[in-house]
Amino acid sequence: MEFAGYVLTTFGVLFLFLGGLGILRMPDLYNRMQAGTKATTLGAVGTIMGVGLINPEWFFKTLIISLFILLSNPISSHALARGSYRSGIKMWQKKDIDAYKKALESQEENEEAN
């Protein structure tokens, strides 16, 4: 179990590093948030669960922490992205699809029709 813990911790640290690179390399806020959220969620959970496997007496605590991270990171990222979009932060110029704008427009049309 200890070896699996070290492997999981190593993969977690690698994902955290790649998430940091993604934050630096991506062109706009929304892409940076995606890279940061997905990679750091996997990285944090991998690292924490690896520590839980290395120290079995901590496993239950690390499991609860991991579940909290898995539940809270996507929700907080979504809230930040939605707030950023509504406050007018522009998307990358080369991105030609704005699905959220289309959804907002269709929602407004439905509200006007009712």
PDB file of N, CA and C in Angstrom:
ATOM      1  N   MET A   1       0.823  -1.201   0.000  1.00  0.00           N
ATOM      2  CA  MET A   1       0.000   0.000   0.000  1.00  0.00           C
ATOM      3  C   MET A   1       0.861   1.257   0.000  1.00  0.00           C
ATOM      4  N   GLU A   2       1.993   1.181   0.659  1.00  0.00           N
ATOM      5  CA  GLU A   2       2.849   2.354   0.756  1.00  0.00           C
ATOM      6  C   GLU A   2       3.382   2.746  -0.621  1.00  0.00           C
ATOM      7  N   PHE A   3       3.748   1.744  -1.432  1.00  0.00           N
ATOM      8  CA  PHE A   3       4.239   2.040  -2.777  1.00  0.00           C
ATOM      9  C   PHE A   3       3.148   2.700  -3.616  1.00  0.00           C
ATOM     10  N   ALA A   4       1.921   2.196  -3.514  1.00  0.00           N
ATOM     11  CA  ALA A   4       0.800   2.810  -4.242  1.00  0.00           C
ATOM     12  C   ALA A   4       0.587   4.248  -3.788  1.00  0.00           C
ATOM     13  N   GLY A   5       0.785   4.511  -2.514  1.00  0.00           N
ATOM     14  CA  GLY A   5       0.671   5.868  -1.999  1.00  0.00           C
ATOM     15  C   GLY A   5       1.712   6.789  -2.602  1.00  0.00           C
ATOM     16  N   TYR A   6       2.940   6.295  -2.725  1.00  0.00           N
ATOM     17  CA  TYR A   6       3.994   7.116  -3.335  1.00  0.00           C
ATOM     18  C   TYR A   6       3.713   7.379  -4.815  1.00  0.00           C
ATOM     19  N   VAL A   7       3.216   6.362  -5.510  1.00  0.00           N
ATOM     20  CA  VAL A   7       2.881   6.539  -6.927  1.00  0.00           C
ATOM     21  C   VAL A   7       1.749   7.549  -7.080  1.00  0.00           C
ATOM     22  N   LEU A   8       0.720   7.421  -6.263  1.00  0.00           N
ATOM     23  CA  LEU A   8      -0.415   8.348  -6.326  1.00  0.00           C
ATOM     24  C   LEU A   8       0.011   9.773  -5.973  1.00  0.00           C
ATOM     25  N   THR A   9       0.867   9.912  -4.986  1.00  0.00           N
ATOM     26  CA  THR A   9       1.370  11.236  -4.617  1.00  0.00           C
ATOM     27  C   THR A   9       2.191  11.835  -5.753  1.00  0.00           C
ATOM     28  N   THR A  10       2.999  11.024  -6.410  1.00  0.00           N
ATOM     29  CA  THR A  10       3.798  11.512  -7.537  1.00  0.00           C
ATOM     30  C   THR A  10       2.901  11.969  -8.677  1.00  0.00           C
ATOM     31  N   PHE A  11       1.886  11.185  -9.015  1.00  0.00           N
ATOM     32  CA  PHE A  11       0.951  11.604 -10.060  1.00  0.00           C
ATOM     33  C   PHE A  11       0.213  12.878  -9.663  1.00  0.00           C
ATOM     34  N   GLY A  12      -0.141  12.990  -8.398  1.00  0.00           N
ATOM     35  CA  GLY A  12      -0.811  14.194  -7.924  1.00  0.00           C
ATOM     36  C   GLY A  12       0.055  15.427  -8.074  1.00  0.00           C
ATOM     37  N   VAL A  13       1.314  15.307  -7.691  1.00  0.00           N
ATOM     38  CA  VAL A  13       2.234  16.441  -7.825  1.00  0.00           C
ATOM     39  C   VAL A  13       2.441  16.778  -9.296  1.00  0.00           C
ATOM     40  N   LEU A  14       2.510  15.770 -10.155  1.00  0.00           N
ATOM     41  CA  LEU A  14       2.654  16.017 -11.593  1.00  0.00           C
ATOM     42  C   LEU A  14       1.443  16.773 -12.139  1.00  0.00           C
ATOM     43  N   PHE A  15       0.244  16.380 -11.745  1.00  0.00           N
ATOM     44  CA  PHE A  15      -0.958  17.090 -12.185  1.00  0.00           C
ATOM     45  C   PHE A  15      -0.982  18.523 -11.660  1.00  0.00           C
ATOM     46  N   LEU A  16      -0.547  18.727 -10.433  1.00  0.00           N
ATOM     47  CA  LEU A  16      -0.485  20.089  -9.894  1.00  0.00           C
ATOM     48  C   LEU A  16       0.491  20.944 -10.698  1.00  0.00           C
ATOM     49  N   PHE A  17       1.624  20.369 -11.060  1.00  0.00           N
ATOM     50  CA  PHE A  17       2.605  21.092 -11.866  1.00  0.00           C
ATOM     51  C   PHE A  17       2.036  21.430 -13.243  1.00  0.00           C
ATOM     52  N   LEU A  18       1.388  20.456 -13.877  1.00  0.00           N
ATOM     53  CA  LEU A  18       0.798  20.702 -15.196  1.00  0.00           C
ATOM     54  C   LEU A  18      -0.335  21.721 -15.120  1.00  0.00           C
ATOM     55  N   GLY A  19      -1.090  21.714 -14.041  1.00  0.00           N
ATOM     56  CA  GLY A  19      -2.124  22.727 -13.848  1.00  0.00           C
ATOM     57  C   GLY A  19      -1.532  24.116 -13.741  1.00  0.00           C
ATOM     58  N   GLY A  20      -0.413  24.228 -13.037  1.00  0.00           N
ATOM     59  CA  GLY A  20       0.276  25.515 -12.950  1.00  0.00           C
ATOM     60  C   GLY A  20       0.779  25.982 -14.301  1.00  0.00           C
ATOM     61  N   LEU A  21       1.318  25.061 -15.094  1.00  0.00           N
ATOM     62  CA  LEU A  21       1.741  25.422 -16.455  1.00  0.00           C
ATOM     63  C   LEU A  21       0.553  25.853 -17.306  1.00  0.00           C
ATOM     64  N   GLY A  22      -0.559  25.161 -17.149  1.00  0.00           N
ATOM     65  CA  GLY A  22      -1.757  25.524 -17.905  1.00  0.00           C
ATOM     66  C   GLY A  22      -2.242  26.915 -17.567  1.00  0.00           C
ATOM     67  N   ILE A  23      -2.166  27.280 -16.299  1.00  0.00           N
ATOM     68  CA  ILE A  23      -2.574  28.622 -15.892  1.00  0.00           C
ATOM     69  C   ILE A  23      -1.671  29.667 -16.537  1.00  0.00           C
ATOM     70  N   LEU A  24      -0.390  29.367 -16.638  1.00  0.00           N
ATOM     71  CA  LEU A  24       0.540  30.321 -17.251  1.00  0.00           C
ATOM     72  C   LEU A  24       0.396  30.397 -18.767  1.00  0.00           C
ATOM     73  N   ARG A  25       0.068  29.283 -19.414  1.00  0.00           N
ATOM     74  CA  ARG A  25       0.091  29.215 -20.873  1.00  0.00           C
ATOM     75  C   ARG A  25      -1.222  29.564 -21.569  1.00  0.00           C
ATOM     76  N   MET A  26      -2.332  29.443 -20.900  1.00  0.00           N
ATOM     77  CA  MET A  26      -3.624  29.647 -21.554  1.00  0.00           C
ATOM     78  C   MET A  26      -3.871  31.126 -21.858  1.00  0.00           C
ATOM     79  N   PRO A  27      -4.635  31.397 -22.937  1.00  0.00           N
ATOM     80  CA  PRO A  27      -4.757  32.777 -23.421  1.00  0.00           C
ATOM     81  C   PRO A  27      -5.744  33.665 -22.671  1.00  0.00           C
ATOM     82  N   ASP A  28      -6.759  33.106 -22.045  1.00  0.00           N
ATOM     83  CA  ASP A  28      -7.739  33.974 -21.385  1.00  0.00           C
ATOM     84  C   ASP A  28      -8.175  33.372 -20.049  1.00  0.00           C
ATOM     85  N   LEU A  29      -8.973  34.132 -19.340  1.00  0.00           N
ATOM     86  CA  LEU A  29      -9.408  33.749 -17.996  1.00  0.00           C
ATOM     87  C   LEU A  29     -10.138  32.411 -17.991  1.00  0.00           C
ATOM     88  N   TYR A  30     -11.007  32.195 -18.947  1.00  0.00           N
ATOM     89  CA  TYR A  30     -11.849  30.999 -18.943  1.00  0.00           C
ATOM     90  C   TYR A  30     -11.028  29.732 -19.188  1.00  0.00           C
ATOM     91  N   ASN A  31     -10.084  29.792 -20.106  1.00  0.00           N
ATOM     92  CA  ASN A  31      -9.206  28.645 -20.331  1.00  0.00           C
ATOM     93  C   ASN A  31      -8.291  28.408 -19.139  1.00  0.00           C
ATOM     94  N   ARG A  32      -7.832  29.473 -18.517  1.00  0.00           N
ATOM     95  CA  ARG A  32      -6.989  29.327 -17.328  1.00  0.00           C
ATOM     96  C   ARG A  32      -7.767  28.684 -16.190  1.00  0.00           C
ATOM     97  N   MET A  33      -9.020  29.083 -16.040  1.00  0.00           N
ATOM     98  CA  MET A  33      -9.838  28.488 -14.982  1.00  0.00           C
ATOM     99  C   MET A  33     -10.055  27.003 -15.228  1.00  0.00           C
ATOM    100  N   GLN A  34     -10.262  26.630 -16.486  1.00  0.00           N
ATOM    101  CA  GLN A  34     -10.456  25.224 -16.809  1.00  0.00           C
ATOM    102  C   GLN A  34      -9.202  24.420 -16.488  1.00  0.00           C
ATOM    103  N   ALA A  35      -8.055  24.924 -16.937  1.00  0.00           N
ATOM    104  CA  ALA A  35      -6.800  24.216 -16.671  1.00  0.00           C
ATOM    105  C   ALA A  35      -6.530  24.142 -15.177  1.00  0.00           C
ATOM    106  N   GLY A  36      -6.752  25.236 -14.504  1.00  0.00           N
ATOM    107  CA  GLY A  36      -6.497  25.260 -13.071  1.00  0.00           C
ATOM    108  C   GLY A  36      -7.421  24.358 -12.290  1.00  0.00           C
ATOM    109  N   THR A  37      -8.678  24.353 -12.638  1.00  0.00           N
ATOM    110  CA  THR A  37      -9.645  23.570 -11.869  1.00  0.00           C
ATOM    111  C   THR A  37      -9.479  22.076 -12.102  1.00  0.00           C
ATOM    112  N   LYS A  38      -9.444  21.660 -13.350  1.00  0.00           N
ATOM    113  CA  LYS A  38      -9.383  20.223 -13.626  1.00  0.00           C
ATOM    114  C   LYS A  38      -8.075  19.604 -13.146  1.00  0.00           C
ATOM    115  N   ALA A  39      -6.968  20.220 -13.516  1.00  0.00           N
ATOM    116  CA  ALA A  39      -5.679  19.630 -13.164  1.00  0.00           C
ATOM    117  C   ALA A  39      -5.412  19.704 -11.669  1.00  0.00           C
ATOM    118  N   THR A  40      -5.742  20.817 -11.054  1.00  0.00           N
ATOM    119  CA  THR A  40      -5.454  20.917  -9.621  1.00  0.00           C
ATOM    120  C   THR A  40      -6.412  20.073  -8.788  1.00  0.00           C
ATOM    121  N   THR A  41      -7.613  19.841  -9.276  1.00  0.00           N
ATOM    122  CA  THR A  41      -8.511  18.926  -8.562  1.00  0.00           C
ATOM    123  C   THR A  41      -7.926  17.518  -8.563  1.00  0.00           C
ATOM    124  N   LEU A  42      -7.519  17.051  -9.740  1.00  0.00           N
ATOM    125  CA  LEU A  42      -6.900  15.722  -9.806  1.00  0.00           C
ATOM    126  C   LEU A  42      -5.599  15.678  -9.023  1.00  0.00           C
ATOM    127  N   GLY A  43      -4.816  16.740  -9.119  1.00  0.00           N
ATOM    128  CA  GLY A  43      -3.546  16.779  -8.406  1.00  0.00           C
ATOM    129  C   GLY A  43      -3.717  16.774  -6.906  1.00  0.00           C
ATOM    130  N   ALA A  44      -4.623  17.591  -6.419  1.00  0.00           N
ATOM    131  CA  ALA A  44      -4.837  17.658  -4.972  1.00  0.00           C
ATOM    132  C   ALA A  44      -5.401  16.347  -4.442  1.00  0.00           C
ATOM    133  N   VAL A  45      -6.378  15.792  -5.144  1.00  0.00           N
ATOM    134  CA  VAL A  45      -6.970  14.527  -4.691  1.00  0.00           C
ATOM    135  C   VAL A  45      -5.934  13.406  -4.748  1.00  0.00           C
ATOM    136  N   GLY A  46      -5.153  13.361  -5.812  1.00  0.00           N
ATOM    137  CA  GLY A  46      -4.114  12.333  -5.905  1.00  0.00           C
ATOM    138  C   GLY A  46      -3.085  12.441  -4.801  1.00  0.00           C
ATOM    139  N   THR A  47      -2.633  13.655  -4.551  1.00  0.00           N
ATOM    140  CA  THR A  47      -1.638  13.864  -3.501  1.00  0.00           C
ATOM    141  C   THR A  47      -2.205  13.521  -2.129  1.00  0.00           C
ATOM    142  N   ILE A  48      -3.403  13.992  -1.859  1.00  0.00           N
ATOM    143  CA  ILE A  48      -4.000  13.751  -0.542  1.00  0.00           C
ATOM    144  C   ILE A  48      -4.301  12.265  -0.335  1.00  0.00           C
ATOM    145  N   MET A  49      -4.828  11.606  -1.354  1.00  0.00           N
ATOM    146  CA  MET A  49      -5.112  10.178  -1.203  1.00  0.00           C
ATOM    147  C   MET A  49      -3.817   9.369  -1.114  1.00  0.00           C
ATOM    148  N   GLY A  50      -2.773   9.820  -1.803  1.00  0.00           N
ATOM    149  CA  GLY A  50      -1.475   9.164  -1.661  1.00  0.00           C
ATOM    150  C   GLY A  50      -0.961   9.241  -0.237  1.00  0.00           C
ATOM    151  N   VAL A  51      -1.111  10.405   0.375  1.00  0.00           N
ATOM    152  CA  VAL A  51      -0.718  10.558   1.780  1.00  0.00           C
ATOM    153  C   VAL A  51      -1.565   9.637   2.657  1.00  0.00           C
ATOM    154  N   GLY A  52      -2.847   9.508   2.317  1.00  0.00           N
ATOM    155  CA  GLY A  52      -3.712   8.611   3.078  1.00  0.00           C
ATOM    156  C   GLY A  52      -3.294   7.155   2.963  1.00  0.00           C
ATOM    157  N   LEU A  53      -2.765   6.765   1.800  1.00  0.00           N
ATOM    158  CA  LEU A  53      -2.288   5.387   1.645  1.00  0.00           C
ATOM    159  C   LEU A  53      -0.946   5.176   2.341  1.00  0.00           C
ATOM    160  N   ILE A  54      -0.124   6.210   2.365  1.00  0.00           N
ATOM    161  CA  ILE A  54       1.166   6.094   3.046  1.00  0.00           C
ATOM    162  C   ILE A  54       0.965   6.009   4.558  1.00  0.00           C
ATOM    163  N   ASN A  55       0.034   6.796   5.076  1.00  0.00           N
ATOM    164  CA  ASN A  55      -0.284   6.802   6.512  1.00  0.00           C
ATOM    165  C   ASN A  55      -1.715   6.301   6.700  1.00  0.00           C
ATOM    166  N   PRO A  56      -1.907   5.003   6.869  1.00  0.00           N
ATOM    167  CA  PRO A  56      -3.267   4.450   6.938  1.00  0.00           C
ATOM    168  C   PRO A  56      -4.141   5.028   8.049  1.00  0.00           C
ATOM    169  N   GLU A  57      -3.541   5.488   9.128  1.00  0.00           N
ATOM    170  CA  GLU A  57      -4.357   6.062  10.200  1.00  0.00           C
ATOM    171  C   GLU A  57      -4.982   7.392   9.789  1.00  0.00           C
ATOM    172  N   TRP A  58      -4.500   8.017   8.727  1.00  0.00           N
ATOM    173  CA  TRP A  58      -5.058   9.277   8.218  1.00  0.00           C
ATOM    174  C   TRP A  58      -6.031   9.056   7.066  1.00  0.00           C
ATOM    175  N   PHE A  59      -6.225   7.808   6.648  1.00  0.00           N
ATOM    176  CA  PHE A  59      -6.962   7.552   5.411  1.00  0.00           C
ATOM    177  C   PHE A  59      -8.379   8.120   5.433  1.00  0.00           C
ATOM    178  N   PHE A  60      -9.103   7.937   6.522  1.00  0.00           N
ATOM    179  CA  PHE A  60     -10.483   8.425   6.582  1.00  0.00           C
ATOM    180  C   PHE A  60     -10.531   9.945   6.456  1.00  0.00           C
ATOM    181  N   LYS A  61      -9.613  10.627   7.110  1.00  0.00           N
ATOM    182  CA  LYS A  61      -9.564  12.090   7.021  1.00  0.00           C
ATOM    183  C   LYS A  61      -9.230  12.543   5.602  1.00  0.00           C
ATOM    184  N   THR A  62      -8.268  11.874   4.975  1.00  0.00           N
ATOM    185  CA  THR A  62      -7.906  12.263   3.606  1.00  0.00           C
ATOM    186  C   THR A  62      -9.039  11.962   2.629  1.00  0.00           C
ATOM    187  N   LEU A  63      -9.805  10.915   2.902  1.00  0.00           N
ATOM    188  CA  LEU A  63     -10.956  10.604   2.057  1.00  0.00           C
ATOM    189  C   LEU A  63     -12.007  11.705   2.142  1.00  0.00           C
ATOM    190  N   ILE A  64     -12.284  12.188   3.337  1.00  0.00           N
ATOM    191  CA  ILE A  64     -13.262  13.269   3.515  1.00  0.00           C
ATOM    192  C   ILE A  64     -12.775  14.553   2.847  1.00  0.00           C
ATOM    193  N   ILE A  65     -11.493  14.869   3.011  1.00  0.00           N
ATOM    194  CA  ILE A  65     -10.933  16.065   2.371  1.00  0.00           C
ATOM    195  C   ILE A  65     -11.032  15.946   0.855  1.00  0.00           C
ATOM    196  N   SER A  66     -10.721  14.771   0.321  1.00  0.00           N
ATOM    197  CA  SER A  66     -10.797  14.562  -1.130  1.00  0.00           C
ATOM    198  C   SER A  66     -12.218  14.707  -1.647  1.00  0.00           C
ATOM    199  N   LEU A  67     -13.183  14.169  -0.927  1.00  0.00           N
ATOM    200  CA  LEU A  67     -14.582  14.316  -1.338  1.00  0.00           C
ATOM    201  C   LEU A  67     -15.005  15.782  -1.336  1.00  0.00           C
ATOM    202  N   PHE A  68     -14.569  16.525  -0.334  1.00  0.00           N
ATOM    203  CA  PHE A  68     -14.878  17.953  -0.285  1.00  0.00           C
ATOM    204  C   PHE A  68     -14.279  18.676  -1.487  1.00  0.00           C
ATOM    205  N   ILE A  69     -13.042  18.358  -1.833  1.00  0.00           N
ATOM    206  CA  ILE A  69     -12.398  18.994  -2.991  1.00  0.00           C
ATOM    207  C   ILE A  69     -13.129  18.618  -4.273  1.00  0.00           C
ATOM    208  N   LEU A  70     -13.487  17.347  -4.418  1.00  0.00           N
ATOM    209  CA  LEU A  70     -14.188  16.908  -5.628  1.00  0.00           C
ATOM    210  C   LEU A  70     -15.551  17.571  -5.781  1.00  0.00           C
ATOM    211  N   LEU A  71     -16.202  17.881  -4.674  1.00  0.00           N
ATOM    212  CA  LEU A  71     -17.513  18.526  -4.741  1.00  0.00           C
ATOM    213  C   LEU A  71     -17.420  20.043  -4.872  1.00  0.00           C
ATOM    214  N   SER A  72     -16.451  20.649  -4.222  1.00  0.00           N
ATOM    215  CA  SER A  72     -16.427  22.114  -4.175  1.00  0.00           C
ATOM    216  C   SER A  72     -15.680  22.765  -5.337  1.00  0.00           C
ATOM    217  N   ASN A  73     -14.639  22.145  -5.868  1.00  0.00           N
ATOM    218  CA  ASN A  73     -13.880  22.787  -6.947  1.00  0.00           C
ATOM    219  C   ASN A  73     -14.707  23.048  -8.204  1.00  0.00           C
ATOM    220  N   PRO A  74     -15.459  22.088  -8.721  1.00  0.00           N
ATOM    221  CA  PRO A  74     -16.254  22.386  -9.922  1.00  0.00           C
ATOM    222  C   PRO A  74     -17.323  23.448  -9.682  1.00  0.00           C
ATOM    223  N   ILE A  75     -17.929  23.433  -8.514  1.00  0.00           N
ATOM    224  CA  ILE A  75     -18.975  24.415  -8.215  1.00  0.00           C
ATOM    225  C   ILE A  75     -18.387  25.810  -8.121  1.00  0.00           C
ATOM    226  N   SER A  76     -17.265  25.942  -7.431  1.00  0.00           N
ATOM    227  CA  SER A  76     -16.655  27.267  -7.296  1.00  0.00           C
ATOM    228  C   SER A  76     -16.119  27.766  -8.628  1.00  0.00           C
ATOM    229  N   SER A  77     -15.568  26.890  -9.434  1.00  0.00           N
ATOM    230  CA  SER A  77     -15.077  27.291 -10.753  1.00  0.00           C
ATOM    231  C   SER A  77     -16.223  27.761 -11.641  1.00  0.00           C
ATOM    232  N   HIS A  78     -17.332  27.051 -11.589  1.00  0.00           N
ATOM    233  CA  HIS A  78     -18.496  27.445 -12.380  1.00  0.00           C
ATOM    234  C   HIS A  78     -19.011  28.813 -11.938  1.00  0.00           C
ATOM    235  N   ALA A  79     -19.085  29.032 -10.646  1.00  0.00           N
ATOM    236  CA  ALA A  79     -19.564  30.320 -10.135  1.00  0.00           C
ATOM    237  C   ALA A  79     -18.629  31.455 -10.539  1.00  0.00           C
ATOM    238  N   LEU A  80     -17.332  31.226 -10.472  1.00  0.00           N
ATOM    239  CA  LEU A  80     -16.374  32.255 -10.882  1.00  0.00           C
ATOM    240  C   LEU A  80     -16.464  32.546 -12.379  1.00  0.00           C
ATOM    241  N   ALA A  81     -16.590  31.500 -13.188  1.00  0.00           N
ATOM    242  CA  ALA A  81     -16.681  31.704 -14.633  1.00  0.00           C
ATOM    243  C   ALA A  81     -17.968  32.433 -15.000  1.00  0.00           C
ATOM    244  N   ARG A  82     -19.048  32.066 -14.378  1.00  0.00           N
ATOM    245  CA  ARG A  82     -20.323  32.728 -14.666  1.00  0.00           C
ATOM    246  C   ARG A  82     -20.296  34.195 -14.241  1.00  0.00           C
ATOM    247  N   GLY A  83     -19.754  34.468 -13.077  1.00  0.00           N
ATOM    248  CA  GLY A  83     -19.633  35.848 -12.622  1.00  0.00           C
ATOM    249  C   GLY A  83     -18.706  36.660 -13.506  1.00  0.00           C
ATOM    250  N   SER A  84     -17.629  36.051 -13.961  1.00  0.00           N
ATOM    251  CA  SER A  84     -16.704  36.744 -14.862  1.00  0.00           C
ATOM    252  C   SER A  84     -17.376  37.067 -16.186  1.00  0.00           C
ATOM    253  N   TYR A  85     -18.133  36.115 -16.707  1.00  0.00           N
ATOM    254  CA  TYR A  85     -18.817  36.339 -17.981  1.00  0.00           C
ATOM    255  C   TYR A  85     -19.846  37.458 -17.851  1.00  0.00           C
ATOM    256  N   ARG A  86     -20.612  37.405 -16.788  1.00  0.00           N
ATOM    257  CA  ARG A  86     -21.658  38.422 -16.597  1.00  0.00           C
ATOM    258  C   ARG A  86     -21.089  39.798 -16.289  1.00  0.00           C
ATOM    259  N   SER A  87     -19.869  39.859 -15.770  1.00  0.00           N
ATOM    260  CA  SER A  87     -19.260  41.168 -15.508  1.00  0.00           C
ATOM    261  C   SER A  87     -18.573  41.732 -16.741  1.00  0.00           C
ATOM    262  N   GLY A  88     -18.553  40.972 -17.831  1.00  0.00           N
ATOM    263  CA  GLY A  88     -18.073  41.500 -19.099  1.00  0.00           C
ATOM    264  C   GLY A  88     -16.647  41.153 -19.465  1.00  0.00           C
ATOM    265  N   ILE A  89     -16.034  40.206 -18.795  1.00  0.00           N
ATOM    266  CA  ILE A  89     -14.675  39.809 -19.165  1.00  0.00           C
ATOM    267  C   ILE A  89     -14.746  39.052 -20.485  1.00  0.00           C
ATOM    268  N   LYS A  90     -13.998  39.526 -21.463  1.00  0.00           N
ATOM    269  CA  LYS A  90     -14.065  38.990 -22.825  1.00  0.00           C
ATOM    270  C   LYS A  90     -13.362  37.646 -22.935  1.00  0.00           C
ATOM    271  N   MET A  91     -13.874  36.852 -23.889  1.00  0.00           N
ATOM    272  CA  MET A  91     -13.238  35.591 -24.222  1.00  0.00           C
ATOM    273  C   MET A  91     -12.092  35.853 -25.188  1.00  0.00           C
ATOM    274  N   TRP A  92     -11.301  34.826 -25.397  1.00  0.00           N
ATOM    275  CA  TRP A  92     -10.201  34.868 -26.348  1.00  0.00           C
ATOM    276  C   TRP A  92     -10.756  35.168 -27.735  1.00  0.00           C
ATOM    277  N   GLN A  93     -10.082  36.039 -28.505  1.00  0.00           N
ATOM    278  CA  GLN A  93     -10.604  36.465 -29.809  1.00  0.00           C
ATOM    279  C   GLN A  93     -10.743  35.315 -30.802  1.00  0.00           C
ATOM    280  N   LYS A  94      -9.896  34.310 -30.722  1.00  0.00           N
ATOM    281  CA  LYS A  94      -9.951  33.208 -31.683  1.00  0.00           C
ATOM    282  C   LYS A  94     -11.068  32.217 -31.376  1.00  0.00           C
ATOM    283  N   LYS A  95     -11.734  32.384 -30.266  1.00  0.00           N
ATOM    284  CA  LYS A  95     -12.848  31.503 -29.921  1.00  0.00           C
ATOM    285  C   LYS A  95     -14.108  32.061 -30.570  1.00  0.00           C
ATOM    286  N   ASP A  96     -14.693  31.298 -31.467  1.00  0.00           N
ATOM    287  CA  ASP A  96     -15.837  31.804 -32.224  1.00  0.00           C
ATOM    288  C   ASP A  96     -17.184  31.274 -31.728  1.00  0.00           C
ATOM    289  N   ILE A  97     -17.192  30.383 -30.767  1.00  0.00           N
ATOM    290  CA  ILE A  97     -18.442  29.830 -30.251  1.00  0.00           C
ATOM    291  C   ILE A  97     -18.659  30.346 -28.833  1.00  0.00           C
ATOM    292  N   ASP A  98     -19.800  30.962 -28.616  1.00  0.00           N
ATOM    293  CA  ASP A  98     -20.161  31.454 -27.288  1.00  0.00           C
ATOM    294  C   ASP A  98     -21.495  30.813 -26.914  1.00  0.00           C
ATOM    295  N   ALA A  99     -21.434  29.589 -26.411  1.00  0.00           N
ATOM    296  CA  ALA A  99     -22.646  28.826 -26.106  1.00  0.00           C
ATOM    297  C   ALA A  99     -23.448  29.470 -24.980  1.00  0.00           C
ATOM    298  N   TYR A 100     -22.775  30.090 -24.037  1.00  0.00           N
ATOM    299  CA  TYR A 100     -23.488  30.708 -22.918  1.00  0.00           C
ATOM    300  C   TYR A 100     -24.297  31.904 -23.400  1.00  0.00           C
ATOM    301  N   LYS A 101     -23.758  32.660 -24.340  1.00  0.00           N
ATOM    302  CA  LYS A 101     -24.488  33.808 -24.888  1.00  0.00           C
ATOM    303  C   LYS A 101     -25.755  33.334 -25.598  1.00  0.00           C
ATOM    304  N   LYS A 102     -25.628  32.258 -26.366  1.00  0.00           N
ATOM    305  CA  LYS A 102     -26.799  31.705 -27.056  1.00  0.00           C
ATOM    306  C   LYS A 102     -27.850  31.219 -26.054  1.00  0.00           C
ATOM    307  N   ALA A 103     -27.404  30.595 -24.976  1.00  0.00           N
ATOM    308  CA  ALA A 103     -28.343  30.109 -23.961  1.00  0.00           C
ATOM    309  C   ALA A 103     -29.049  31.271 -23.272  1.00  0.00           C
ATOM    310  N   LEU A 104     -28.317  32.342 -22.981  1.00  0.00           N
ATOM    311  CA  LEU A 104     -28.935  33.515 -22.359  1.00  0.00           C
ATOM    312  C   LEU A 104     -29.951  34.166 -23.292  1.00  0.00           C
ATOM    313  N   GLU A 105     -29.604  34.247 -24.591  1.00  0.00           N
ATOM    314  CA  GLU A 105     -30.526  34.843 -25.557  1.00  0.00           C
ATOM    315  C   GLU A 105     -31.797  34.016 -25.690  1.00  0.00           C
ATOM    316  N   SER A 106     -31.674  32.691 -25.753  1.00  0.00           N
ATOM    317  CA  SER A 106     -32.869  31.848 -25.876  1.00  0.00           C
ATOM    318  C   SER A 106     -33.707  31.902 -24.601  1.00  0.00           C
ATOM    319  N   GLN A 107     -33.060  32.034 -23.454  1.00  0.00           N
ATOM    320  CA  GLN A 107     -33.794  32.167 -22.199  1.00  0.00           C
ATOM    321  C   GLN A 107     -34.575  33.480 -22.179  1.00  0.00           C
ATOM    322  N   GLU A 108     -33.966  34.557 -22.655  1.00  0.00           N
ATOM    323  CA  GLU A 108     -34.658  35.847 -22.712  1.00  0.00           C
ATOM    324  C   GLU A 108     -35.836  35.794 -23.679  1.00  0.00           C
ATOM    325  N   GLU A 109     -35.665  35.105 -24.818  1.00  0.00           N
ATOM    326  CA  GLU A 109     -36.759  34.963 -25.779  1.00  0.00           C
ATOM    327  C   GLU A 109     -37.917  34.185 -25.169  1.00  0.00           C
ATOM    328  N   ASN A 110     -37.609  33.126 -24.426  1.00  0.00           N
ATOM    329  CA  ASN A 110     -38.659  32.339 -23.779  1.00  0.00           C
ATOM    330  C   ASN A 110     -39.395  33.152 -22.724  1.00  0.00           C
ATOM    331  N   GLU A 111     -38.666  33.977 -21.991  1.00  0.00           N
ATOM    332  CA  GLU A 111     -39.304  34.811 -20.976  1.00  0.00           C
ATOM    333  C   GLU A 111     -40.201  35.868 -21.615  1.00  0.00           C
ATOM    334  N   GLU A 112     -39.777  36.418 -22.757  1.00  0.00           N
ATOM    335  CA  GLU A 112     -40.593  37.415 -23.458  1.00  0.00           C
ATOM    336  C   GLU A 112     -41.848  36.785 -24.051  1.00  0.00           C
ATOM    337  N   ALA A 113     -41.741  35.540 -24.504  1.00  0.00           N
ATOM    338  CA  ALA A 113     -42.886  34.855 -25.097  1.00  0.00           C
ATOM    339  C   ALA A 113     -43.942  34.519 -24.039  1.00  0.00           C
ATOM    340  N   ASN A 114     -43.516  34.315 -22.823  1.00  0.00           N
ATOM    341  CA  ASN A 114     -44.466  33.957 -21.756  1.00  0.00           C
ATOM    342  C   ASN A 114     -44.991  35.186 -21.168  1.00  0.00           C
TER     343      ASN A 114
END
